[in-house]
Amino acid sequence: MEKAKIHTITKLIIRILLGAFFITTAILKLLSIDSFEIYIYSFNLFSFNMCAIVARLIIAAEMLLGTFLIAKILYKPVWWLSMLMMIGFTLFLIYVALFRSDTNCHCMGDLVELNPTYSILKNLVTIVLLLLVRKEEDYQFKGKTIVGIVITLLAVGLPFIIFPTDSIYNLIRKPNYVVNEKPFQEFMQDSTAQSLHIDKGNYVLGYLAAGCKYCKLSAKKVNSLVANNQLDTNNVVFLIWGSDSSIQHFKEETGATHFRYAFIHPVMAIKTVNGVFPSYVFVKDGKPVDILDFRELNDKNISEFLSK
């Protein structure tokens, strides 16, 4: 086989692999979008709702660049954007590696956990591969403009349509659950509740199951919401049920170790929140005034309530 032909095939394979890699990382992030949102929010740069939008735009950008690299549409600007994105992500990861202790930078979602150091190495390899396919030209085919427009619309639209942001989701959904007053008051009169001293003032009580995926996500979310808004962790109490080992694992996995925890019997928890886990009951002077689920929690409602 001629040397020139081998070189051409090699560059074709590298370009397709790069495009497929960008698309794969986008899909992996999308499949664990809740964790990705919370991770972005942990840097305290934007509101939680804005972080949800930023997360989806990053995913859309990776999908778009990956598809355009494979199809060779607008190749030179797409190549430069891909290179700038990889350099930007690498500089960001260097900061994370130096100043934070993250075990997963969420570059490939939750399914493939990478710490910042390994992700930096991954990006450096990607940058080298991009340099190998720098001198490529657009592929000319009929209807390229229409194909490009369709790909752009799909790449930007799908992350918002398939996984709508919490603000959009809450507009569509009409929650109809309430706190069951009788078991709630039974708990408040129990020695456990009395030892927590939550009968005066404003408190958020999280009803959680130690093995529940969304309970863990909600704990991470609350942890970031409280930290970023500089709220008193004493005003958030996690009422959790599960074995001692599962509860300990819950704390370690979520990093929500600064809050007060109290064991609640699962039957009482189920009766109080009608089986909806996680549920966060907003309590004022010992009385439930609101109940929110994982999707409804945001900067505004939790900070306004706990700041009173």
Protein backbone atom coordinates (compact mmCIF):
# COMPACT_ATOMS: atom_id res chain seq x y z
CA MET A 1 0.00 0.00 0.00
CA GLU A 2 1.33 3.43 -0.93
CA LYS A 3 2.70 5.59 1.89
CA ALA A 4 0.40 8.49 0.97
CA LYS A 5 -2.66 6.21 1.09
CA ILE A 6 -1.64 4.84 4.51
CA HIS A 7 -1.21 8.42 5.75
CA THR A 8 -4.67 9.37 4.45
CA ILE A 9 -6.35 6.35 6.06
CA THR A 10 -4.54 6.98 9.36
CA LYS A 11 -5.76 10.58 9.47
CA LEU A 12 -9.28 9.43 8.61
CA ILE A 13 -9.27 6.94 11.50
CA ILE A 14 -7.88 9.54 13.93
CA ARG A 15 -10.49 12.12 12.89
CA ILE A 16 -13.37 9.65 13.25
CA LEU A 17 -12.06 8.50 16.63
CA LEU A 18 -11.79 12.10 17.83
CA GLY A 19 -15.30 12.91 16.70
CA ALA A 20 -16.68 9.72 18.25
CA PHE A 21 -14.82 10.49 21.48
CA PHE A 22 -16.37 13.97 21.75
CA ILE A 23 -19.83 12.53 21.09
CA THR A 24 -19.26 9.75 23.65
CA THR A 25 -18.14 12.14 26.40
CA ALA A 26 -21.19 14.30 25.68
CA ILE A 27 -23.53 11.31 25.98
CA LEU A 28 -21.85 10.14 29.21
CA LYS A 29 -22.29 13.60 30.71
CA LEU A 30 -25.90 13.70 29.58
CA LEU A 31 -26.65 10.33 31.18
CA SER A 32 -25.46 11.73 34.53
CA ILE A 33 -26.63 15.29 33.95
CA ASP A 34 -27.75 15.82 37.57
CA SER A 35 -24.26 15.12 38.92
CA PHE A 36 -22.71 17.28 36.19
CA GLU A 37 -24.96 20.22 37.12
CA ILE A 38 -24.09 19.89 40.80
CA TYR A 39 -20.38 19.68 39.99
CA ILE A 40 -20.47 22.89 37.96
CA TYR A 41 -22.50 24.57 40.70
CA SER A 42 -19.89 23.57 43.30
CA PHE A 43 -17.55 26.21 41.83
CA ASN A 44 -20.05 28.92 42.85
CA LEU A 45 -19.80 30.81 39.56
CA PHE A 46 -23.49 30.85 38.58
CA SER A 47 -26.91 30.22 40.07
CA PHE A 48 -28.05 26.60 40.06
CA ASN A 49 -30.51 27.22 37.21
CA MET A 50 -27.75 28.84 35.15
CA CYS A 51 -25.42 25.90 35.87
CA ALA A 52 -28.09 23.57 34.48
CA ILE A 53 -28.06 25.57 31.23
CA VAL A 54 -24.25 25.74 31.10
CA ALA A 55 -24.03 21.96 31.59
CA ARG A 56 -26.30 21.32 28.61
CA LEU A 57 -24.49 23.85 26.42
CA ILE A 58 -21.16 22.11 27.12
CA ILE A 59 -22.75 18.80 26.15
CA ALA A 60 -24.25 20.36 23.01
CA ALA A 61 -20.87 21.82 22.05
CA GLU A 62 -19.14 18.44 22.36
CA MET A 63 -21.86 16.73 20.32
CA LEU A 64 -21.72 19.40 17.65
CA LEU A 65 -17.93 19.51 17.36
CA GLY A 66 -17.67 15.72 17.31
CA THR A 67 -20.27 15.33 14.57
CA PHE A 68 -18.80 18.15 12.47
CA LEU A 69 -15.30 16.67 12.78
CA ILE A 70 -16.53 13.34 11.45
CA ALA A 71 -18.61 14.91 8.66
CA LYS A 72 -15.87 17.50 7.87
CA ILE A 73 -18.35 20.38 7.98
CA LEU A 74 -16.75 23.81 8.58
CA TYR A 75 -13.64 21.83 9.33
CA LYS A 76 -11.10 24.56 10.03
CA PRO A 77 -13.24 26.64 12.47
CA VAL A 78 -14.45 23.41 14.10
CA TRP A 79 -10.85 22.21 14.47
CA TRP A 80 -9.83 25.49 16.11
CA LEU A 81 -12.87 25.45 18.41
CA SER A 82 -12.07 21.86 19.38
CA MET A 83 -8.47 22.78 20.12
CA LEU A 84 -9.45 25.84 22.16
CA MET A 85 -12.02 23.79 24.07
CA MET A 86 -9.43 21.14 24.96
CA ILE A 87 -6.87 23.76 26.01
CA GLY A 88 -9.51 25.57 28.09
CA PHE A 89 -10.64 22.35 29.79
CA THR A 90 -7.02 21.38 30.46
CA LEU A 91 -6.21 24.73 32.13
CA PHE A 92 -9.38 24.40 34.18
CA LEU A 93 -8.41 20.87 35.25
CA ILE A 94 -4.94 22.05 36.25
CA TYR A 95 -6.63 24.54 38.59
CA VAL A 96 -8.89 21.79 39.96
CA ALA A 97 -5.95 19.42 40.49
CA LEU A 98 -3.98 22.10 42.35
CA PHE A 99 -6.68 23.66 44.50
CA ARG A 100 -9.39 21.02 44.99
CA SER A 101 -9.50 17.37 45.99
CA ASP A 102 -12.08 16.14 43.46
CA THR A 103 -12.08 12.40 42.83
CA ASN A 104 -14.19 12.77 39.67
CA CYS A 105 -14.09 15.79 37.36
CA HIS A 106 -17.19 14.49 35.50
CA CYS A 107 -15.45 14.82 32.13
CA MET A 108 -16.94 11.44 31.27
CA GLY A 109 -19.92 11.48 33.61
CA ASP A 110 -20.44 9.07 36.49
CA LEU A 111 -20.07 5.86 34.47
CA VAL A 112 -16.36 6.46 33.81
CA GLU A 113 -14.84 8.25 36.79
CA LEU A 114 -11.68 10.21 36.06
CA ASN A 115 -9.80 12.35 38.54
CA PRO A 116 -8.40 15.68 37.25
CA THR A 117 -4.87 14.32 36.74
CA TYR A 118 -5.97 11.46 34.48
CA SER A 119 -8.34 13.79 32.66
CA ILE A 120 -5.48 16.21 31.96
CA LEU A 121 -3.50 13.34 30.41
CA LYS A 122 -6.57 12.39 28.35
CA ASN A 123 -6.84 15.96 27.08
CA LEU A 124 -3.15 16.15 26.20
CA VAL A 125 -3.48 12.99 24.11
CA THR A 126 -6.56 14.50 22.43
CA ILE A 127 -4.65 17.71 21.66
CA VAL A 128 -1.80 15.71 20.04
CA LEU A 129 -4.31 13.76 17.92
CA LEU A 130 -6.00 17.00 16.88
CA LEU A 131 -2.63 18.34 15.72
CA LEU A 132 -2.20 15.26 13.52
CA VAL A 133 -5.39 16.05 11.59
CA ARG A 134 -4.97 19.82 11.43
CA LYS A 135 -4.45 20.05 7.68
CA GLU A 136 -7.79 18.80 6.45
CA GLU A 137 -10.33 20.44 4.17
CA ASP A 138 -14.13 20.50 4.16
CA TYR A 139 -15.88 17.53 2.61
CA GLN A 140 -18.12 18.79 -0.18
CA PHE A 141 -21.46 17.08 -0.62
CA LYS A 142 -24.94 18.00 -1.72
CA GLY A 143 -27.15 19.47 0.99
CA LYS A 144 -24.23 20.11 3.35
CA THR A 145 -25.74 23.37 4.61
CA ILE A 146 -29.06 21.74 5.48
CA VAL A 147 -27.29 18.80 7.15
CA GLY A 148 -25.20 21.24 9.19
CA ILE A 149 -28.28 23.15 10.34
CA VAL A 150 -30.11 19.94 11.31
CA ILE A 151 -27.10 18.64 13.25
CA THR A 152 -26.79 21.97 15.08
CA LEU A 153 -30.46 22.04 16.03
CA LEU A 154 -30.36 18.44 17.26
CA ALA A 155 -27.11 18.90 19.20
CA VAL A 156 -28.40 22.01 20.99
CA GLY A 157 -32.01 20.91 21.37
CA LEU A 158 -31.75 17.28 22.49
CA PRO A 159 -30.00 17.91 25.85
CA PHE A 160 -32.79 20.35 26.78
CA ILE A 161 -35.62 18.19 25.41
CA ILE A 162 -34.56 14.76 26.67
CA PHE A 163 -33.31 16.07 30.01
CA PRO A 164 -35.05 19.41 30.65
CA THR A 165 -33.63 21.69 33.32
CA ASP A 166 -35.32 21.60 36.72
CA SER A 167 -36.90 25.01 36.09
CA ILE A 168 -38.50 23.76 32.86
CA TYR A 169 -39.43 20.42 34.43
CA ASN A 170 -41.19 22.14 37.32
CA LEU A 171 -43.22 24.27 34.92
CA ILE A 172 -44.48 21.17 33.13
CA ARG A 173 -45.04 19.01 36.20
CA LYS A 174 -47.72 19.68 38.79
CA PRO A 175 -46.67 18.10 42.09
CA ASN A 176 -49.65 17.18 44.27
CA TYR A 177 -48.08 15.66 47.36
CA VAL A 178 -48.22 17.16 50.85
CA VAL A 179 -46.86 16.41 54.29
CA ASN A 180 -48.94 13.91 56.21
CA GLU A 181 -49.55 15.93 59.37
CA LYS A 182 -50.27 13.09 61.81
CA PRO A 183 -47.00 11.09 61.48
CA PHE A 184 -45.08 14.37 61.23
CA GLN A 185 -46.40 15.53 64.60
CA GLU A 186 -45.77 12.07 66.07
CA PHE A 187 -42.13 12.43 65.06
CA MET A 188 -41.91 15.98 66.43
CA GLN A 189 -43.06 14.69 69.82
CA ASP A 190 -40.54 11.86 69.75
CA SER A 191 -37.36 12.07 71.82
CA THR A 192 -35.26 12.08 68.63
CA ALA A 193 -36.91 15.25 67.32
CA GLN A 194 -36.80 16.88 70.74
CA SER A 195 -33.06 16.26 70.96
CA LEU A 196 -32.65 18.09 67.63
CA HIS A 197 -34.33 21.25 69.00
CA ILE A 198 -36.16 22.03 65.76
CA ASP A 199 -39.39 23.31 67.31
CA LYS A 200 -38.35 26.99 67.14
CA GLY A 201 -37.09 28.74 64.01
CA ASN A 202 -36.75 27.68 60.38
CA TYR A 203 -35.39 24.27 59.46
CA VAL A 204 -35.21 22.06 56.37
CA LEU A 205 -35.78 18.39 57.10
CA GLY A 206 -34.62 15.98 54.41
CA TYR A 207 -36.45 12.65 54.34
CA LEU A 208 -33.97 10.25 52.78
CA ALA A 209 -33.33 6.57 52.16
CA ALA A 210 -29.64 5.68 52.46
CA GLY A 211 -29.66 3.50 49.34
CA CYS A 212 -31.66 5.87 47.13
CA LYS A 213 -29.76 7.28 44.13
CA TYR A 214 -31.73 10.51 44.01
CA CYS A 215 -31.49 10.94 47.77
CA LYS A 216 -27.71 10.92 47.36
CA LEU A 217 -27.89 13.40 44.49
CA SER A 218 -30.17 15.64 46.52
CA ALA A 219 -27.75 15.57 49.47
CA LYS A 220 -24.93 16.68 47.16
CA LYS A 221 -27.18 19.40 45.81
CA VAL A 222 -28.19 20.63 49.27
CA ASN A 223 -24.55 20.53 50.34
CA SER A 224 -23.61 22.87 47.48
CA LEU A 225 -26.67 25.11 47.94
CA VAL A 226 -25.93 25.62 51.62
CA ALA A 227 -22.20 26.16 51.08
CA ASN A 228 -22.55 28.56 48.14
CA ASN A 229 -25.19 30.65 49.93
CA GLN A 230 -23.27 30.57 53.24
CA LEU A 231 -26.21 29.15 55.17
CA ASP A 232 -26.06 27.58 58.62
CA THR A 233 -25.67 23.81 58.29
CA ASN A 234 -27.31 23.43 61.70
CA ASN A 235 -30.62 24.41 60.08
CA VAL A 236 -30.61 21.38 57.78
CA VAL A 237 -31.34 17.96 59.25
CA PHE A 238 -31.24 14.71 57.30
CA LEU A 239 -33.80 12.21 58.58
CA ILE A 240 -32.49 9.00 57.08
CA TRP A 241 -33.29 5.32 57.22
CA GLY A 242 -31.12 2.37 56.36
CA SER A 243 -28.47 0.19 57.94
CA ASP A 244 -25.57 1.79 59.82
CA SER A 245 -23.15 0.83 57.03
CA SER A 246 -25.40 2.21 54.28
CA ILE A 247 -25.85 5.48 56.16
CA GLN A 248 -22.09 5.78 56.63
CA HIS A 249 -21.57 5.06 52.93
CA PHE A 250 -24.21 7.71 52.14
CA LYS A 251 -22.23 10.34 54.06
CA GLU A 252 -18.94 9.37 52.43
CA GLU A 253 -20.36 9.27 48.90
CA THR A 254 -22.27 12.56 49.11
CA GLY A 255 -19.73 14.54 51.11
CA ALA A 256 -22.66 15.98 53.06
CA THR A 257 -20.98 15.44 56.40
CA HIS A 258 -21.56 18.90 57.89
CA PHE A 259 -25.27 18.41 58.51
CA ARG A 260 -27.05 16.84 61.44
CA TYR A 261 -28.32 13.30 60.87
CA ALA A 262 -31.06 11.44 62.70
CA PHE A 263 -32.36 7.94 62.09
CA ILE A 264 -36.06 7.72 61.28
CA HIS A 265 -38.09 4.54 61.08
CA PRO A 266 -38.87 3.81 57.40
CA VAL A 267 -42.60 3.34 58.07
CA MET A 268 -42.84 6.76 59.72
CA ALA A 269 -40.80 8.34 56.91
CA ILE A 270 -42.98 6.76 54.21
CA LYS A 271 -46.18 7.84 55.94
CA THR A 272 -44.95 11.41 56.48
CA VAL A 273 -43.95 12.13 52.87
CA ASN A 274 -46.32 9.63 51.25
CA GLY A 275 -43.44 7.50 49.96
CA VAL A 276 -41.75 10.27 47.97
CA PHE A 277 -37.97 10.14 48.45
CA PRO A 278 -36.15 12.42 48.64
CA SER A 279 -38.49 14.98 50.17
CA TYR A 280 -37.47 18.18 51.91
CA VAL A 281 -39.93 19.57 54.43
CA PHE A 282 -39.62 23.24 55.28
CA VAL A 283 -40.49 23.63 58.97
CA LYS A 284 -41.25 26.90 60.75
CA ASP A 285 -41.59 26.80 64.54
CA GLY A 286 -42.31 23.08 64.48
CA LYS A 287 -44.94 23.29 61.72
CA PRO A 288 -44.48 22.09 58.12
CA VAL A 289 -45.03 24.99 55.71
CA ASP A 290 -43.83 23.45 52.43
CA ILE A 291 -42.47 20.25 50.93
CA LEU A 292 -40.12 20.10 47.94
CA ASP A 293 -38.52 17.28 46.03
CA PHE A 294 -35.08 17.01 44.44
CA ARG A 295 -36.10 18.94 41.30
CA GLU A 296 -37.68 21.84 43.17
CA LEU A 297 -34.74 22.72 45.39
CA ASN A 298 -32.77 25.77 44.25
CA ASP A 299 -30.76 28.73 45.51
CA LYS A 300 -33.75 30.99 45.92
CA ASN A 301 -36.19 28.87 47.91
CA ILE A 302 -33.67 27.38 50.33
CA SER A 303 -31.71 30.60 50.96
CA GLU A 304 -34.82 32.75 51.39
CA PHE A 305 -36.32 30.30 53.89
CA LEU A 306 -33.20 29.65 55.97
CA SER A 307 -32.12 33.30 55.96
CA LYS A 308 -35.31 34.43 57.71
